[in-house]
């Protein structure tokens, strides 16, 4: 088995799901909890860029990591950039994510959780306002995990333009004092997907730099293109490597199983306003939301 196929078989959902299995045994047993654990979970994976190939890759890896008792549905943006590498592109992608969610809710809203399959490409809290289930971003889940490993963490990602973007996003989360560094490899996420073997040495070298020079206690490998890298490279690096997709899947499953969702109909009234030139589904969603308010 070559390194490329090995990477695609090594999303670290197993270790995360093992943790959930242990938790299941220790949580006090109730009828509602038991029923929730037994039912098949439906997970929505939404890709903020327009690459169908990338969506298929992420959905495939998510299914491997999540297991047989999870149904995974993938969505690809119908408009916007093929590759997201600027704040303008992120803004366009956010519009696309909102539009996609509105269209999906009109067809089928019966999901237990959703994942934004773009590292720092969309604010989960905005989509969370739209749906009655948890929405988890790769960056948010990775940051939450990194805080468990020590005082400082680093982020390693593909695409040199991402460095200032990620630094700003971490600061917006109030975690600037915990950030050791953001470092990037010259390859973009799309290039890493097409040639992961070329990226391995870059990742190992920069991860050690994050640990030894920047003082990081762990390194987040950010971007869905780097999913599976920690399973292959962890023995070559002196600090833990966090698989951003694996920890996001684990977080989504944990929230779906163990965190009851609130009544979303109890909302603060808002002024009734129209909208112009949005998709019919998004216009209908906004109108219905105002009527509920």
Protein backbone atom coordinates (compact mmCIF):
# COMPACT_ATOMS: atom_id res chain seq x y z
CA UNK A 1 0.00 0.00 0.00
CA UNK A 2 1.50 3.37 -1.01
CA UNK A 3 1.60 6.40 1.24
CA UNK A 4 -1.24 8.09 -0.62
CA UNK A 5 -3.71 5.22 -0.21
CA UNK A 6 -2.48 4.75 3.34
CA UNK A 7 -3.37 8.33 4.17
CA UNK A 8 -6.87 7.89 2.84
CA UNK A 9 -7.37 4.87 5.10
CA UNK A 10 -6.07 6.49 8.25
CA UNK A 11 -8.48 9.21 9.35
CA UNK A 12 -8.20 9.09 13.12
CA UNK A 13 -11.88 8.63 13.84
CA UNK A 14 -11.10 5.32 15.51
CA UNK A 15 -9.36 6.82 18.52
CA UNK A 16 -11.97 9.53 18.87
CA UNK A 17 -14.81 7.07 18.59
CA UNK A 18 -13.11 4.81 21.12
CA UNK A 19 -13.29 7.69 23.58
CA UNK A 20 -17.00 8.02 22.88
CA UNK A 21 -17.47 4.28 23.46
CA UNK A 22 -15.88 4.57 26.90
CA UNK A 23 -18.03 7.61 27.66
CA UNK A 24 -21.17 5.70 26.72
CA UNK A 25 -20.46 3.16 29.43
CA UNK A 26 -19.93 5.76 32.13
CA UNK A 27 -22.81 8.16 31.43
CA UNK A 28 -25.86 7.49 33.60
CA UNK A 29 -28.36 5.44 31.65
CA UNK A 30 -31.76 6.99 30.87
CA UNK A 31 -34.40 6.00 28.37
CA UNK A 32 -33.82 9.09 26.22
CA UNK A 33 -30.05 8.67 26.26
CA UNK A 34 -30.29 4.98 25.41
CA UNK A 35 -32.61 5.68 22.49
CA UNK A 36 -30.32 8.43 21.23
CA UNK A 37 -27.28 6.14 21.33
CA UNK A 38 -29.08 3.37 19.43
CA UNK A 39 -30.53 5.43 16.59
CA UNK A 40 -28.69 5.97 13.33
CA UNK A 41 -27.05 9.40 13.29
CA UNK A 42 -27.40 11.60 10.20
CA UNK A 43 -24.43 13.86 9.56
CA UNK A 44 -24.46 16.69 7.01
CA UNK A 45 -21.09 17.63 5.46
CA UNK A 46 -21.09 20.94 3.60
CA UNK A 47 -18.18 21.96 1.38
CA UNK A 48 -17.75 25.75 1.11
CA UNK A 49 -15.89 25.53 -2.21
CA UNK A 50 -17.22 24.37 -5.58
CA UNK A 51 -15.03 21.28 -6.02
CA UNK A 52 -17.22 18.17 -6.24
CA UNK A 53 -14.07 16.03 -6.16
CA UNK A 54 -13.13 17.54 -2.82
CA UNK A 55 -16.62 16.93 -1.43
CA UNK A 56 -16.46 13.28 -2.45
CA UNK A 57 -13.08 12.89 -0.73
CA UNK A 58 -14.30 14.43 2.53
CA UNK A 59 -17.55 12.46 2.54
CA UNK A 60 -15.62 9.24 1.91
CA UNK A 61 -13.20 9.90 4.74
CA UNK A 62 -16.01 10.96 7.07
CA UNK A 63 -17.86 7.70 6.44
CA UNK A 64 -14.72 5.70 7.22
CA UNK A 65 -14.16 7.58 10.47
CA UNK A 66 -17.79 7.79 11.63
CA UNK A 67 -18.65 4.10 11.25
CA UNK A 68 -21.61 2.10 9.99
CA UNK A 69 -24.20 3.65 12.31
CA UNK A 70 -23.79 7.10 10.73
CA UNK A 71 -25.38 8.28 7.49
CA UNK A 72 -23.32 11.00 5.79
CA UNK A 73 -24.82 13.44 3.27
CA UNK A 74 -22.48 15.76 1.37
CA UNK A 75 -23.24 19.12 -0.25
CA UNK A 76 -21.06 21.17 -2.60
CA UNK A 77 -21.32 24.93 -3.11
CA UNK A 78 -23.11 25.81 -6.33
CA UNK A 79 -21.32 29.14 -6.66
CA UNK A 80 -18.14 30.76 -5.40
CA UNK A 81 -14.43 29.90 -5.56
CA UNK A 82 -12.96 26.51 -6.42
CA UNK A 83 -10.24 27.24 -3.87
CA UNK A 84 -10.64 29.53 -0.87
CA UNK A 85 -7.51 31.55 -0.19
CA UNK A 86 -8.55 35.06 0.80
CA UNK A 87 -10.95 36.83 3.12
CA UNK A 88 -13.03 37.92 0.13
CA UNK A 89 -13.33 34.28 -0.93
CA UNK A 90 -14.32 33.35 2.62
CA UNK A 91 -17.09 35.96 2.52
CA UNK A 92 -18.42 34.55 -0.75
CA UNK A 93 -18.18 31.02 0.64
CA UNK A 94 -20.16 32.06 3.71
CA UNK A 95 -23.00 33.30 1.48
CA UNK A 96 -22.87 29.99 -0.38
CA UNK A 97 -22.96 28.00 2.86
CA UNK A 98 -26.03 29.91 4.06
CA UNK A 99 -27.74 29.43 0.70
CA UNK A 100 -26.91 25.71 0.66
CA UNK A 101 -28.27 25.25 4.15
CA UNK A 102 -31.54 27.04 3.32
CA UNK A 103 -32.04 24.82 0.28
CA UNK A 104 -31.21 21.67 2.24
CA UNK A 105 -33.58 22.58 5.08
CA UNK A 106 -36.43 22.96 2.60
CA UNK A 107 -35.79 19.46 1.23
CA UNK A 108 -34.66 17.64 4.38
CA UNK A 109 -33.83 19.03 7.81
CA UNK A 110 -33.62 15.73 9.69
CA UNK A 111 -29.96 15.78 10.66
CA UNK A 112 -28.27 15.32 14.02
CA UNK A 113 -25.24 17.51 13.27
CA UNK A 114 -23.46 19.31 10.45
CA UNK A 115 -19.79 19.83 9.60
CA UNK A 116 -18.37 22.74 7.61
CA UNK A 117 -15.67 20.98 5.59
CA UNK A 118 -13.37 23.97 5.26
CA UNK A 119 -10.72 24.98 7.80
CA UNK A 120 -11.56 28.57 8.73
CA UNK A 121 -13.81 28.93 5.68
CA UNK A 122 -17.07 29.73 7.44
CA UNK A 123 -18.41 30.72 10.83
CA UNK A 124 -20.31 27.81 12.34
CA UNK A 125 -22.17 30.17 14.68
CA UNK A 126 -23.90 31.82 11.72
CA UNK A 127 -25.22 28.53 10.35
CA UNK A 128 -26.08 27.46 13.89
CA UNK A 129 -28.67 30.24 13.93
CA UNK A 130 -30.44 28.55 11.01
CA UNK A 131 -30.77 24.95 12.19
CA UNK A 132 -32.02 22.89 15.14
CA UNK A 133 -28.84 20.77 15.29
CA UNK A 134 -25.15 21.45 16.08
CA UNK A 135 -22.90 22.90 13.36
CA UNK A 136 -19.17 22.35 13.81
CA UNK A 137 -16.31 23.95 11.90
CA UNK A 138 -12.93 22.28 11.44
CA UNK A 139 -11.11 25.23 13.01
CA UNK A 140 -13.42 25.50 16.03
CA UNK A 141 -13.21 21.78 16.86
CA UNK A 142 -9.44 21.75 16.40
CA UNK A 143 -8.91 24.75 18.68
CA UNK A 144 -11.06 23.15 21.38
CA UNK A 145 -8.95 20.00 21.22
CA UNK A 146 -5.63 21.88 21.15
CA UNK A 147 -6.45 23.62 24.43
CA UNK A 148 -6.34 20.24 26.17
CA UNK A 149 -2.69 19.62 25.28
CA UNK A 150 -0.91 22.48 26.97
CA UNK A 151 -0.43 26.22 27.14
CA UNK A 152 0.55 26.86 23.51
CA UNK A 153 -0.50 25.37 20.18
CA UNK A 154 0.54 25.92 16.57
CA UNK A 155 -1.44 25.66 13.34
CA UNK A 156 0.06 24.18 10.19
CA UNK A 157 -1.85 24.55 6.93
CA UNK A 158 -1.48 24.61 3.16
CA UNK A 159 -1.34 27.85 1.21
CA UNK A 160 0.86 30.79 2.24
CA UNK A 161 -2.02 33.30 2.12
CA UNK A 162 -3.69 31.52 5.04
CA UNK A 163 -1.18 32.63 7.67
CA UNK A 164 -2.61 36.12 8.41
CA UNK A 165 -6.18 34.88 7.95
CA UNK A 166 -5.79 32.16 10.57
CA UNK A 167 -3.93 34.45 12.96
CA UNK A 168 -6.85 36.88 12.79
CA UNK A 169 -9.42 34.12 13.29
CA UNK A 170 -7.63 32.75 16.34
CA UNK A 171 -7.52 36.27 17.76
CA UNK A 172 -11.26 36.63 17.14
CA UNK A 173 -11.80 33.49 19.22
CA UNK A 174 -9.90 35.16 22.08
CA UNK A 175 -7.04 32.67 21.89
CA UNK A 176 -4.19 34.84 20.60
CA UNK A 177 -2.26 34.35 23.86
CA UNK A 178 -2.41 30.57 23.40
CA UNK A 179 -1.18 30.62 19.79
CA UNK A 180 2.51 29.75 19.41
CA UNK A 181 2.54 30.19 15.63
CA UNK A 182 0.80 29.73 12.32
CA UNK A 183 3.02 28.21 9.66
CA UNK A 184 2.14 27.21 6.11
CA UNK A 185 3.56 25.03 3.38
CA UNK A 186 3.77 26.44 -0.13
CA UNK A 187 1.38 23.81 -1.51
CA UNK A 188 -2.30 24.68 -1.50
CA UNK A 189 -4.91 22.27 -0.18
CA UNK A 190 -5.82 21.22 -3.72
CA UNK A 191 -2.17 20.51 -4.52
CA UNK A 192 -1.78 18.46 -1.33
CA UNK A 193 -4.80 16.33 -2.24
CA UNK A 194 -3.27 15.61 -5.66
CA UNK A 195 0.26 14.94 -4.34
CA UNK A 196 0.27 14.20 -0.57
CA UNK A 197 3.63 12.41 -0.67
CA UNK A 198 5.33 15.68 -1.56
CA UNK A 199 3.83 17.37 1.50
CA UNK A 200 4.94 14.81 4.11
CA UNK A 201 8.50 16.06 4.56
CA UNK A 202 7.35 19.68 4.67
CA UNK A 203 4.84 18.87 7.41
CA UNK A 204 7.34 16.93 9.52
CA UNK A 205 9.95 19.67 9.29
CA UNK A 206 7.56 22.51 10.09
CA UNK A 207 5.88 20.57 12.93
CA UNK A 208 9.24 20.17 14.65
CA UNK A 209 9.93 23.86 14.08
CA UNK A 210 6.61 24.69 15.77
CA UNK A 211 7.59 22.55 18.76
CA UNK A 212 11.26 23.42 19.15
CA UNK A 213 11.40 27.03 17.97
CA UNK A 214 7.87 28.32 18.64
CA UNK A 215 7.21 26.39 21.86
CA UNK A 216 4.05 24.60 20.76
CA UNK A 217 2.73 21.75 22.92
CA UNK A 218 0.76 20.40 19.95
CA UNK A 219 0.25 21.19 16.28
CA UNK A 220 -3.09 21.42 14.48
CA UNK A 221 -2.82 20.18 10.91
CA UNK A 222 -5.46 22.46 9.44
CA UNK A 223 -7.37 21.89 6.24
CA UNK A 224 -9.29 18.86 5.08
CA UNK A 225 -6.47 18.09 2.65
CA UNK A 226 -4.27 17.24 5.66
CA UNK A 227 -6.79 14.81 7.14
CA UNK A 228 -5.08 11.52 7.91
CA UNK A 229 -1.56 12.99 8.03
CA UNK A 230 -1.21 12.64 11.84
CA UNK A 231 -1.77 8.88 11.67
CA UNK A 232 1.14 8.55 9.25
CA UNK A 233 3.52 11.18 10.60
CA UNK A 234 3.00 11.20 14.38
CA UNK A 235 5.99 8.96 15.16
CA UNK A 236 8.29 11.36 13.34
CA UNK A 237 7.26 14.45 15.33
CA UNK A 238 7.99 15.29 18.98
CA UNK A 239 4.55 16.74 19.84
CA UNK A 240 0.97 15.56 19.20
CA UNK A 241 -0.47 16.29 15.77
CA UNK A 242 -4.20 17.08 15.71
CA UNK A 243 -6.20 15.75 12.77
CA UNK A 244 -8.69 18.54 12.12
CA UNK A 245 -11.26 16.36 10.35
CA UNK A 246 -11.12 13.49 12.84
CA UNK A 247 -11.66 15.71 15.89
CA UNK A 248 -14.49 17.53 14.11
CA UNK A 249 -16.26 14.26 13.33
CA UNK A 250 -15.79 13.15 16.93
CA UNK A 251 -17.15 16.46 18.23
CA UNK A 252 -20.16 16.30 15.90
CA UNK A 253 -21.02 12.77 17.03
CA UNK A 254 -20.59 13.64 20.70
CA UNK A 255 -22.86 16.68 20.46
CA UNK A 256 -25.44 14.74 18.46
CA UNK A 257 -25.57 11.99 21.07
CA UNK A 258 -25.18 13.76 24.38
CA UNK A 259 -26.27 17.40 24.12
CA UNK A 260 -30.06 17.92 23.90
CA UNK A 261 -30.96 20.76 21.58
CA UNK A 262 -33.01 23.77 22.77
CA UNK A 263 -36.38 24.99 21.51
CA UNK A 264 -35.41 27.25 18.61
CA UNK A 265 -38.90 28.79 18.37
CA UNK A 266 -38.29 30.96 21.44
CA UNK A 267 -36.40 33.82 19.82
CA UNK A 268 -36.12 37.56 20.30
CA UNK A 269 -38.49 39.47 17.97
CA UNK A 270 -36.82 41.15 15.00
CA UNK A 271 -38.05 43.81 12.59
CA UNK A 272 -39.89 42.48 9.54
CA UNK A 273 -37.73 43.16 6.50
CA UNK A 274 -37.81 41.98 2.91
CA UNK A 275 -34.90 40.75 0.79
CA UNK A 276 -33.75 41.23 -2.79
CA UNK A 277 -32.14 38.91 -5.37
CA UNK A 278 -31.57 35.97 -3.04
CA UNK A 279 -32.39 32.41 -4.01
CA UNK A 280 -36.09 31.56 -3.49
CA UNK A 281 -35.16 29.08 -0.74
CA UNK A 282 -33.07 31.60 1.19
CA UNK A 283 -35.73 34.31 0.80
CA UNK A 284 -38.38 31.90 2.12
CA UNK A 285 -36.16 30.96 5.03
CA UNK A 286 -35.62 34.58 6.05
CA UNK A 287 -39.35 35.29 5.77
CA UNK A 288 -40.27 32.27 7.89
CA UNK A 289 -37.65 33.17 10.48
CA UNK A 290 -39.13 36.65 10.80
CA UNK A 291 -42.62 35.19 11.15
CA UNK A 292 -41.43 32.91 13.96
CA UNK A 293 -39.78 35.86 15.67
